[in-house]
Amino acid sequence: MLSKRPYLVPAFYDWILDQGHTPHLVVNADAEEVMVPTQFVEDGHIQLNISPSAVRDFHMDRVGISFEARFGGQPERVFVPMHAVRAIVDRDSGQGATFPDEPEETFPQSEEDREGAPAPRAEGKGRPQLRAVPGGEDGAADKGAADPSSHDSDGGSDADSDGGGPDDDPPPSGGGKGGPSLRVVK
């Protein structure tokens, strides 16, 4: 089941602002990918004022919240992934929402979602990434290519070399001269 947090945090943020009040986040500063000034962390948590008058370049999506703010007079870049948000509270009334610890979740991202998020880390975690593989016009690997990375994962054999017909061709790899293409398979 998806976490409710990426849906409720923006809703409470808007609700608090619509009242003319000040939204505060309580963040688990020890969670992965959290970027906050550590000198202000107490008992593994930090409370952040995220009102528009307190932050710059504010961006919130399903993945997290990013902005720039001043801490002790020094500008700092902050990133809080949604799984690290423990509460969002109206400072003026004390009302808001708290969230239990949940396992980290990843959400489908659009280009719009990725604009404010930090660059992904190359630790091998997260979702698999796709990349284009160079190939011939029909999507099969070029026979004369010297680069082993341009051959298919089955050792670089072309389907035409074994006398097979078009039904025996490997699926297109998408790196041909015309880019990705579709073909009819009988």
Protein backbone atom coordinates (compact mmCIF):
# COMPACT_ATOMS: atom_id res chain seq x y z
CA MET A 1 0.00 0.00 0.00
CA LEU A 2 1.25 3.49 -0.83
CA SER A 3 2.05 5.86 1.99
CA LYS A 4 -0.47 8.64 2.65
CA ARG A 5 2.32 11.04 3.57
CA PRO A 6 3.12 12.36 0.04
CA TYR A 7 -0.55 13.23 -0.38
CA LEU A 8 -1.31 14.62 3.09
CA VAL A 9 1.79 16.80 3.62
CA PRO A 10 1.02 19.09 0.63
CA ALA A 11 -2.66 19.23 1.65
CA PHE A 12 -1.85 20.27 5.22
CA TYR A 13 0.75 22.76 3.93
CA ASP A 14 -1.89 24.45 1.73
CA TRP A 15 -4.48 24.36 4.54
CA ILE A 16 -2.10 26.03 7.00
CA LEU A 17 -1.11 28.73 4.49
CA ASP A 18 -4.75 29.38 3.55
CA GLN A 19 -5.39 30.27 7.21
CA GLY A 20 -2.51 32.76 7.15
CA HIS A 21 -0.54 30.64 9.62
CA THR A 22 3.01 29.24 9.67
CA PRO A 23 3.67 25.63 8.61
CA HIS A 24 6.43 23.75 10.41
CA LEU A 25 7.89 20.36 9.50
CA VAL A 26 9.28 17.92 12.02
CA VAL A 27 11.92 15.84 10.24
CA ASN A 28 13.81 12.66 11.10
CA ALA A 29 17.30 14.06 10.49
CA ASP A 30 18.84 10.56 10.59
CA ALA A 31 16.84 9.24 7.62
CA GLU A 32 18.58 8.54 4.31
CA GLU A 33 19.04 11.41 1.85
CA VAL A 34 18.08 14.13 4.39
CA MET A 35 20.09 17.31 3.89
CA VAL A 36 19.68 19.65 6.87
CA PRO A 37 22.14 21.69 8.97
CA THR A 38 23.25 19.17 11.58
CA GLN A 39 24.07 21.79 14.24
CA PHE A 40 20.32 22.38 14.70
CA VAL A 41 19.36 18.71 15.07
CA GLU A 42 18.12 17.68 18.53
CA ASP A 43 17.46 14.05 19.48
CA GLY A 44 17.64 13.03 15.81
CA HIS A 45 14.92 15.50 14.74
CA ILE A 46 14.82 19.04 13.39
CA GLN A 47 11.89 21.43 13.17
CA LEU A 48 11.79 23.56 10.03
CA ASN A 49 9.72 26.68 9.32
CA ILE A 50 8.59 26.23 5.69
CA SER A 51 6.46 29.37 5.32
CA PRO A 52 7.01 31.25 2.04
CA SER A 53 8.54 34.18 3.95
CA ALA A 54 11.16 31.90 5.55
CA VAL A 55 12.35 29.93 2.50
CA ARG A 56 13.48 30.46 -1.10
CA ASP A 57 13.20 28.17 -4.14
CA PHE A 58 10.59 26.02 -2.39
CA HIS A 59 9.63 22.81 -4.22
CA MET A 60 7.42 20.00 -2.92
CA ASP A 61 6.39 16.83 -4.74
CA ARG A 62 5.78 13.16 -3.94
CA VAL A 63 9.50 12.54 -3.57
CA GLY A 64 10.38 15.28 -1.13
CA ILE A 65 10.65 18.92 -0.15
CA SER A 66 13.56 21.15 -1.12
CA PHE A 67 14.31 24.79 -0.43
CA GLU A 68 16.96 27.25 0.67
CA ALA A 69 16.76 28.92 4.11
CA ARG A 70 18.98 30.79 6.53
CA PHE A 71 20.19 29.07 9.68
CA GLY A 72 22.16 31.24 12.07
CA GLY A 73 22.43 33.83 9.29
CA GLN A 74 23.99 31.35 6.85
CA PRO A 75 22.12 30.22 3.72
CA GLU A 76 21.69 26.44 3.55
CA ARG A 77 20.17 24.13 0.93
CA VAL A 78 17.67 21.70 2.50
CA PHE A 79 16.21 18.49 1.13
CA VAL A 80 13.72 16.37 3.05
CA PRO A 81 12.52 13.15 1.39
CA MET A 82 8.87 12.44 2.15
CA HIS A 83 9.72 9.32 4.14
CA ALA A 84 11.64 11.54 6.61
CA VAL A 85 8.69 13.84 7.42
CA ARG A 86 7.43 13.00 10.93
CA ALA A 87 4.86 15.81 11.21
CA ILE A 88 3.52 18.96 9.60
CA VAL A 89 2.09 21.38 12.14
CA ASP A 90 0.43 24.78 12.20
CA ARG A 91 2.74 26.70 14.55
CA ASP A 92 -0.06 29.10 15.52
CA SER A 93 -2.78 26.57 16.43
CA GLY A 94 -0.76 23.40 17.06
CA GLN A 95 -2.98 21.44 14.65
CA GLY A 96 -1.55 19.25 11.92
CA ALA A 97 -0.66 15.67 11.17
CA THR A 98 1.92 13.25 12.50
CA PHE A 99 3.16 10.21 10.60
CA PRO A 100 4.43 6.84 11.85
CA ASP A 101 7.70 5.33 10.72
CA GLU A 102 7.23 3.56 7.41
CA PRO A 103 9.64 1.88 5.04
CA GLU A 104 11.05 4.17 2.37
CA GLU A 105 8.94 4.21 -0.77
CA THR A 106 9.70 5.34 -4.26
CA PHE A 107 7.06 6.97 -6.41
CA PRO A 108 6.75 7.33 -10.16
CA GLN A 109 8.23 10.67 -11.10
CA SER A 110 7.35 13.02 -13.88
CA GLU A 111 9.77 15.62 -15.24
CA GLU A 112 7.95 18.15 -13.06
CA ASP A 113 8.58 16.03 -9.93
CA ARG A 114 12.32 15.78 -10.62
CA GLU A 115 12.95 19.54 -10.98
CA GLY A 116 13.57 20.24 -7.28
CA ALA A 117 14.90 16.85 -6.24
CA PRO A 118 18.64 16.31 -5.82
CA ALA A 119 20.49 14.20 -8.37
CA PRO A 120 20.14 10.46 -7.70
CA ARG A 121 23.08 8.77 -6.05
CA ALA A 122 24.99 6.02 -7.83
CA GLU A 123 24.75 3.44 -5.04
CA GLY A 124 22.76 0.94 -7.03
CA LYS A 125 19.65 1.62 -4.95
CA GLY A 126 16.31 2.73 -6.27
CA ARG A 127 14.59 1.97 -9.52
CA PRO A 128 16.42 0.44 -12.50
CA GLN A 129 17.44 2.87 -15.20
CA LEU A 130 17.07 2.32 -18.96
CA ARG A 131 19.60 3.43 -21.52
CA ALA A 132 19.77 3.32 -25.30
CA VAL A 133 22.01 0.67 -26.85
CA PRO A 134 23.59 1.45 -30.24
CA GLY A 135 22.42 -0.83 -33.05
CA GLY A 136 21.79 -1.10 -36.77
CA GLU A 137 18.87 0.31 -38.72
CA ASP A 138 16.55 -2.61 -37.84
CA GLY A 139 17.54 -2.46 -34.16
CA ALA A 140 19.88 -5.49 -34.33
CA ALA A 141 23.56 -5.05 -33.44
CA ASP A 142 25.90 -4.02 -36.26
CA LYS A 143 27.91 -7.00 -37.52
CA GLY A 144 31.12 -5.03 -37.98
CA ALA A 145 31.04 -3.11 -34.72
CA ALA A 146 34.19 -3.46 -32.68
CA ASP A 147 32.64 -2.11 -29.49
CA PRO A 148 31.42 -5.08 -27.38
CA SER A 149 28.87 -2.86 -25.66
CA SER A 150 27.01 -2.52 -28.97
CA HIS A 151 26.24 -6.27 -29.16
CA ASP A 152 23.20 -7.95 -27.68
CA SER A 153 23.55 -9.67 -24.33
CA ASP A 154 23.41 -13.13 -25.96
CA GLY A 155 27.00 -12.77 -27.19
CA GLY A 156 26.32 -10.50 -30.14
CA SER A 157 24.91 -13.12 -32.53
CA ASP A 158 22.62 -11.79 -35.23
CA ALA A 159 19.43 -13.71 -35.94
CA ASP A 160 20.13 -13.62 -39.71
CA SER A 161 23.43 -15.53 -39.28
CA ASP A 162 21.63 -18.76 -38.27
CA GLY A 163 19.31 -18.68 -41.27
CA GLY A 164 16.28 -17.72 -39.20
CA GLY A 165 13.56 -15.51 -40.58
CA PRO A 166 12.19 -12.21 -39.34
CA ASP A 167 10.33 -13.99 -36.54
CA ASP A 168 13.68 -15.03 -35.06
CA ASP A 169 15.13 -11.50 -34.86
CA PRO A 170 15.89 -10.19 -31.37
CA PRO A 171 13.70 -7.32 -30.15
CA PRO A 172 14.83 -3.87 -31.31
CA SER A 173 17.36 -2.21 -29.03
CA GLY A 174 16.31 1.33 -29.89
CA GLY A 175 19.66 2.76 -30.94
CA GLY A 176 19.36 2.55 -34.73
CA LYS A 177 19.82 5.37 -37.19
CA GLY A 178 16.16 6.32 -37.04
CA GLY A 179 15.86 5.85 -33.30
CA PRO A 180 13.38 3.47 -31.69
CA SER A 181 11.09 1.70 -34.13
CA LEU A 182 8.38 -0.95 -34.19
CA ARG A 183 8.10 -3.86 -36.57
CA VAL A 184 5.45 -6.43 -37.29
CA VAL A 185 6.11 -9.89 -35.89
CA LYS A 186 4.14 -12.72 -37.46
